[in-house]
Amino acid sequence: MSLGSPGFRNDGAGQPPRVLPVMCFNCGTDRRLSISAVIHFPDHPADVVMVSYTCSRCGRFDEHLAGVADVSLVLANTDQTGEVLIFGGHYMHCGQPMEKAGSDLRRLSAPLSTEGAAEDALDVYLSTRVLRCACGFQMELPE
């Protein structure tokens, strides 16, 4: 998000950040929002967070600064199950924080050329951490 976006104030130091309502600006409602991330920045007031969400009605994605109370109202009124929510630095699924279940090393391989031999490949190794929910859902994230 650039500093010129609507969630940031650039008109003077010491001013509180400008927050926007948590709603789909296309549909004009907060009833069909699926919140995917809530992040607090240390240099912002405690009651201001960056929120990311998608409207399931029109498909519009939005991300901006919002009040914690507004985000809480949307989370309390919508069905967030089945989605992964990033809350601060924690990943949540089924309303519960996901726990680290281990680490893995993944090998990604691609041919250097579509005209070359099959053994002529470029390998990349990626270290990942495995997160698991109590319901059994799991995902891997790059370390």
C-alpha atoms as a PDB file:
ATOM      1  CA  MET A   1       0.000   0.000   0.000  1.00  0.00           C
ATOM      2  CA  SER A   2       1.499   3.312  -0.978  1.00  0.00           C
ATOM      3  CA  LEU A   3       1.542   6.376   1.221  1.00  0.00           C
ATOM      4  CA  GLY A   4      -0.784   8.071  -1.256  1.00  0.00           C
ATOM      5  CA  SER A   5      -3.621   5.619  -0.682  1.00  0.00           C
ATOM      6  CA  PRO A   6      -6.795   6.671   1.176  1.00  0.00           C
ATOM      7  CA  GLY A   7      -5.797   4.955   4.426  1.00  0.00           C
ATOM      8  CA  PHE A   8      -2.794   7.194   5.082  1.00  0.00           C
ATOM      9  CA  ARG A   9      -2.645  10.854   5.957  1.00  0.00           C
ATOM     10  CA  ASN A  10       0.079  12.918   4.327  1.00  0.00           C
ATOM     11  CA  ASP A  11      -1.065  16.353   5.418  1.00  0.00           C
ATOM     12  CA  GLY A  12       1.058  16.838   8.508  1.00  0.00           C
ATOM     13  CA  ALA A  13       2.989  15.203  11.284  1.00  0.00           C
ATOM     14  CA  GLY A  14       1.266  14.449  14.535  1.00  0.00           C
ATOM     15  CA  GLN A  15      -2.151  13.991  12.924  1.00  0.00           C
ATOM     16  CA  PRO A  16      -4.019  10.764  13.675  1.00  0.00           C
ATOM     17  CA  PRO A  17      -4.243   8.363  10.742  1.00  0.00           C
ATOM     18  CA  ARG A  18      -7.424   8.631   8.667  1.00  0.00           C
ATOM     19  CA  VAL A  19      -9.613   5.570   9.077  1.00  0.00           C
ATOM     20  CA  LEU A  20     -12.329   4.405   6.720  1.00  0.00           C
ATOM     21  CA  PRO A  21     -15.456   2.366   7.483  1.00  0.00           C
ATOM     22  CA  VAL A  22     -15.182  -1.402   7.032  1.00  0.00           C
ATOM     23  CA  MET A  23     -17.633  -1.938   4.202  1.00  0.00           C
ATOM     24  CA  CYS A  24     -17.783  -2.718   0.511  1.00  0.00           C
ATOM     25  CA  PHE A  25     -17.676   0.674  -1.162  1.00  0.00           C
ATOM     26  CA  ASN A  26     -19.206  -0.875  -4.288  1.00  0.00           C
ATOM     27  CA  CYS A  27     -22.207  -2.562  -2.589  1.00  0.00           C
ATOM     28  CA  GLY A  28     -22.524  -0.083   0.290  1.00  0.00           C
ATOM     29  CA  THR A  29     -22.761  -2.756   2.999  1.00  0.00           C
ATOM     30  CA  ASP A  30     -20.626  -4.786   5.399  1.00  0.00           C
ATOM     31  CA  ARG A  31     -22.905  -7.859   5.380  1.00  0.00           C
ATOM     32  CA  ARG A  32     -20.940 -10.019   2.918  1.00  0.00           C
ATOM     33  CA  LEU A  33     -17.353  -9.216   3.865  1.00  0.00           C
ATOM     34  CA  SER A  34     -14.733 -11.887   4.405  1.00  0.00           C
ATOM     35  CA  ILE A  35     -11.877 -10.416   6.429  1.00  0.00           C
ATOM     36  CA  SER A  36      -8.518 -11.940   5.527  1.00  0.00           C
ATOM     37  CA  ALA A  37      -6.061  -9.860   7.590  1.00  0.00           C
ATOM     38  CA  VAL A  38      -5.973  -7.535  10.573  1.00  0.00           C
ATOM     39  CA  ILE A  39      -2.549  -6.011  11.260  1.00  0.00           C
ATOM     40  CA  HIS A  40      -1.514  -3.373  13.791  1.00  0.00           C
ATOM     41  CA  PHE A  41       1.389  -1.073  12.998  1.00  0.00           C
ATOM     42  CA  PRO A  42       3.446  -0.003  16.045  1.00  0.00           C
ATOM     43  CA  ASP A  43       3.516   3.658  14.966  1.00  0.00           C
ATOM     44  CA  HIS A  44      -0.310   3.895  14.872  1.00  0.00           C
ATOM     45  CA  PRO A  45      -2.744   4.288  17.800  1.00  0.00           C
ATOM     46  CA  ALA A  46      -3.812   1.055  19.510  1.00  0.00           C
ATOM     47  CA  ASP A  47      -7.361   1.370  18.164  1.00  0.00           C
ATOM     48  CA  VAL A  48      -6.284   1.625  14.491  1.00  0.00           C
ATOM     49  CA  VAL A  49      -5.415  -1.432  12.362  1.00  0.00           C
ATOM     50  CA  MET A  50      -4.866  -2.271   8.698  1.00  0.00           C
ATOM     51  CA  VAL A  51      -7.727  -4.480   7.542  1.00  0.00           C
ATOM     52  CA  SER A  52      -7.935  -6.514   4.309  1.00  0.00           C
ATOM     53  CA  TYR A  53     -11.213  -7.956   3.101  1.00  0.00           C
ATOM     54  CA  THR A  54     -13.185  -9.174   0.101  1.00  0.00           C
ATOM     55  CA  CYS A  55     -16.887  -8.743  -0.620  1.00  0.00           C
ATOM     56  CA  SER A  56     -18.444 -12.095  -1.520  1.00  0.00           C
ATOM     57  CA  ARG A  57     -21.280 -10.346  -3.374  1.00  0.00           C
ATOM     58  CA  CYS A  58     -19.253  -8.345  -5.942  1.00  0.00           C
ATOM     59  CA  GLY A  59     -15.736  -9.768  -5.458  1.00  0.00           C
ATOM     60  CA  ARG A  60     -14.151  -6.402  -4.625  1.00  0.00           C
ATOM     61  CA  PHE A  61     -10.974  -6.541  -2.495  1.00  0.00           C
ATOM     62  CA  ASP A  62     -10.054  -3.624  -0.245  1.00  0.00           C
ATOM     63  CA  GLU A  63      -7.332  -2.817   2.285  1.00  0.00           C
ATOM     64  CA  HIS A  64      -7.148   0.306   4.448  1.00  0.00           C
ATOM     65  CA  LEU A  65      -6.777   1.648   7.969  1.00  0.00           C
ATOM     66  CA  ALA A  66      -9.830   1.049  10.125  1.00  0.00           C
ATOM     67  CA  GLY A  67     -10.955   1.307  13.720  1.00  0.00           C
ATOM     68  CA  VAL A  68     -10.696  -1.826  15.846  1.00  0.00           C
ATOM     69  CA  ALA A  69     -14.342  -1.427  16.900  1.00  0.00           C
ATOM     70  CA  ASP A  70     -15.510  -1.411  13.252  1.00  0.00           C
ATOM     71  CA  VAL A  71     -13.466  -4.538  12.453  1.00  0.00           C
ATOM     72  CA  SER A  72     -14.827  -6.275  15.559  1.00  0.00           C
ATOM     73  CA  LEU A  73     -18.423  -5.580  14.524  1.00  0.00           C
ATOM     74  CA  VAL A  74     -17.851  -7.114  11.073  1.00  0.00           C
ATOM     75  CA  LEU A  75     -16.077 -10.159  12.539  1.00  0.00           C
ATOM     76  CA  ALA A  76     -18.919 -10.670  15.027  1.00  0.00           C
ATOM     77  CA  ASN A  77     -21.653 -10.415  12.374  1.00  0.00           C
ATOM     78  CA  THR A  78     -20.202 -12.535   9.570  1.00  0.00           C
ATOM     79  CA  ASP A  79     -19.371 -16.180   9.072  1.00  0.00           C
ATOM     80  CA  GLN A  80     -15.571 -16.397   8.928  1.00  0.00           C
ATOM     81  CA  THR A  81     -15.309 -20.197   9.164  1.00  0.00           C
ATOM     82  CA  GLY A  82     -13.335 -22.040   6.521  1.00  0.00           C
ATOM     83  CA  GLU A  83     -11.156 -19.024   5.806  1.00  0.00           C
ATOM     84  CA  VAL A  84      -7.665 -18.322   7.068  1.00  0.00           C
ATOM     85  CA  LEU A  85      -7.485 -15.048   8.968  1.00  0.00           C
ATOM     86  CA  ILE A  86      -4.169 -13.331   9.617  1.00  0.00           C
ATOM     87  CA  PHE A  87      -4.625 -11.557  12.941  1.00  0.00           C
ATOM     88  CA  GLY A  88      -1.519  -9.625  13.884  1.00  0.00           C
ATOM     89  CA  GLY A  89       1.257 -12.132  13.286  1.00  0.00           C
ATOM     90  CA  HIS A  90      -0.956 -15.160  13.891  1.00  0.00           C
ATOM     91  CA  TYR A  91      -2.837 -17.332  11.407  1.00  0.00           C
ATOM     92  CA  MET A  92      -6.313 -18.453  12.454  1.00  0.00           C
ATOM     93  CA  HIS A  93      -8.656 -21.064  11.008  1.00  0.00           C
ATOM     94  CA  CYS A  94     -11.986 -22.176  12.495  1.00  0.00           C
ATOM     95  CA  GLY A  95     -11.652 -19.278  14.944  1.00  0.00           C
ATOM     96  CA  GLN A  96      -8.563 -20.846  16.567  1.00  0.00           C
ATOM     97  CA  PRO A  97      -4.882 -19.974  16.199  1.00  0.00           C
ATOM     98  CA  MET A  98      -2.966 -22.414  14.008  1.00  0.00           C
ATOM     99  CA  GLU A  99       0.027 -24.114  15.633  1.00  0.00           C
ATOM    100  CA  LYS A 100       3.396 -24.791  14.059  1.00  0.00           C
ATOM    101  CA  ALA A 101       3.483 -28.486  13.167  1.00  0.00           C
ATOM    102  CA  GLY A 102       6.992 -28.629  11.767  1.00  0.00           C
ATOM    103  CA  SER A 103       9.214 -27.429   8.967  1.00  0.00           C
ATOM    104  CA  ASP A 104       9.960 -28.775   5.531  1.00  0.00           C
ATOM    105  CA  LEU A 105      12.299 -28.198   2.641  1.00  0.00           C
ATOM    106  CA  ARG A 106      10.562 -28.067  -0.729  1.00  0.00           C
ATOM    107  CA  ARG A 107      12.311 -28.555  -4.055  1.00  0.00           C
ATOM    108  CA  LEU A 108      11.003 -26.600  -7.004  1.00  0.00           C
ATOM    109  CA  SER A 109      12.304 -27.641 -10.385  1.00  0.00           C
ATOM    110  CA  ALA A 110      11.884 -26.144 -13.840  1.00  0.00           C
ATOM    111  CA  PRO A 111      13.659 -26.823 -17.131  1.00  0.00           C
ATOM    112  CA  LEU A 112      16.129 -24.155 -18.213  1.00  0.00           C
ATOM    113  CA  SER A 113      14.696 -24.324 -21.696  1.00  0.00           C
ATOM    114  CA  THR A 114      11.706 -25.907 -23.348  1.00  0.00           C
ATOM    115  CA  GLU A 115      14.011 -27.117 -26.106  1.00  0.00           C
ATOM    116  CA  GLY A 116      16.643 -28.740 -23.857  1.00  0.00           C
ATOM    117  CA  ALA A 117      16.946 -32.181 -22.364  1.00  0.00           C
ATOM    118  CA  ALA A 118      14.801 -33.170 -19.354  1.00  0.00           C
ATOM    119  CA  GLU A 119      17.846 -33.458 -17.081  1.00  0.00           C
ATOM    120  CA  ASP A 120      18.734 -29.844 -17.847  1.00  0.00           C
ATOM    121  CA  ALA A 121      16.751 -28.259 -14.972  1.00  0.00           C
ATOM    122  CA  LEU A 122      17.066 -25.437 -12.495  1.00  0.00           C
ATOM    123  CA  ASP A 123      16.383 -26.434  -8.865  1.00  0.00           C
ATOM    124  CA  VAL A 124      15.372 -24.075  -6.084  1.00  0.00           C
ATOM    125  CA  TYR A 125      15.016 -25.155  -2.462  1.00  0.00           C
ATOM    126  CA  LEU A 126      12.526 -23.382  -0.241  1.00  0.00           C
ATOM    127  CA  SER A 127      12.337 -23.743   3.524  1.00  0.00           C
ATOM    128  CA  THR A 128       8.732 -23.746   4.760  1.00  0.00           C
ATOM    129  CA  ARG A 129       6.913 -23.940   8.069  1.00  0.00           C
ATOM    130  CA  VAL A 130       3.834 -26.106   8.401  1.00  0.00           C
ATOM    131  CA  LEU A 131       0.879 -24.672  10.339  1.00  0.00           C
ATOM    132  CA  ARG A 132      -1.984 -26.884  11.460  1.00  0.00           C
ATOM    133  CA  CYS A 133      -5.445 -26.127  12.844  1.00  0.00           C
ATOM    134  CA  ALA A 134      -7.192 -28.284  15.459  1.00  0.00           C
ATOM    135  CA  CYS A 135      -9.702 -29.320  12.747  1.00  0.00           C
ATOM    136  CA  GLY A 136      -6.867 -30.856  10.666  1.00  0.00           C
ATOM    137  CA  PHE A 137      -6.507 -28.093   8.076  1.00  0.00           C
ATOM    138  CA  GLN A 138      -2.883 -27.297   7.400  1.00  0.00           C
ATOM    139  CA  MET A 139      -0.842 -25.004   5.188  1.00  0.00           C
ATOM    140  CA  GLU A 140       2.799 -24.290   4.418  1.00  0.00           C
ATOM    141  CA  LEU A 141       4.357 -20.847   4.452  1.00  0.00           C
ATOM    142  CA  PRO A 142       7.833 -19.811   3.360  1.00  0.00           C
ATOM    143  CA  GLU A 143      10.177 -19.243   6.301  1.00  0.00           C
END
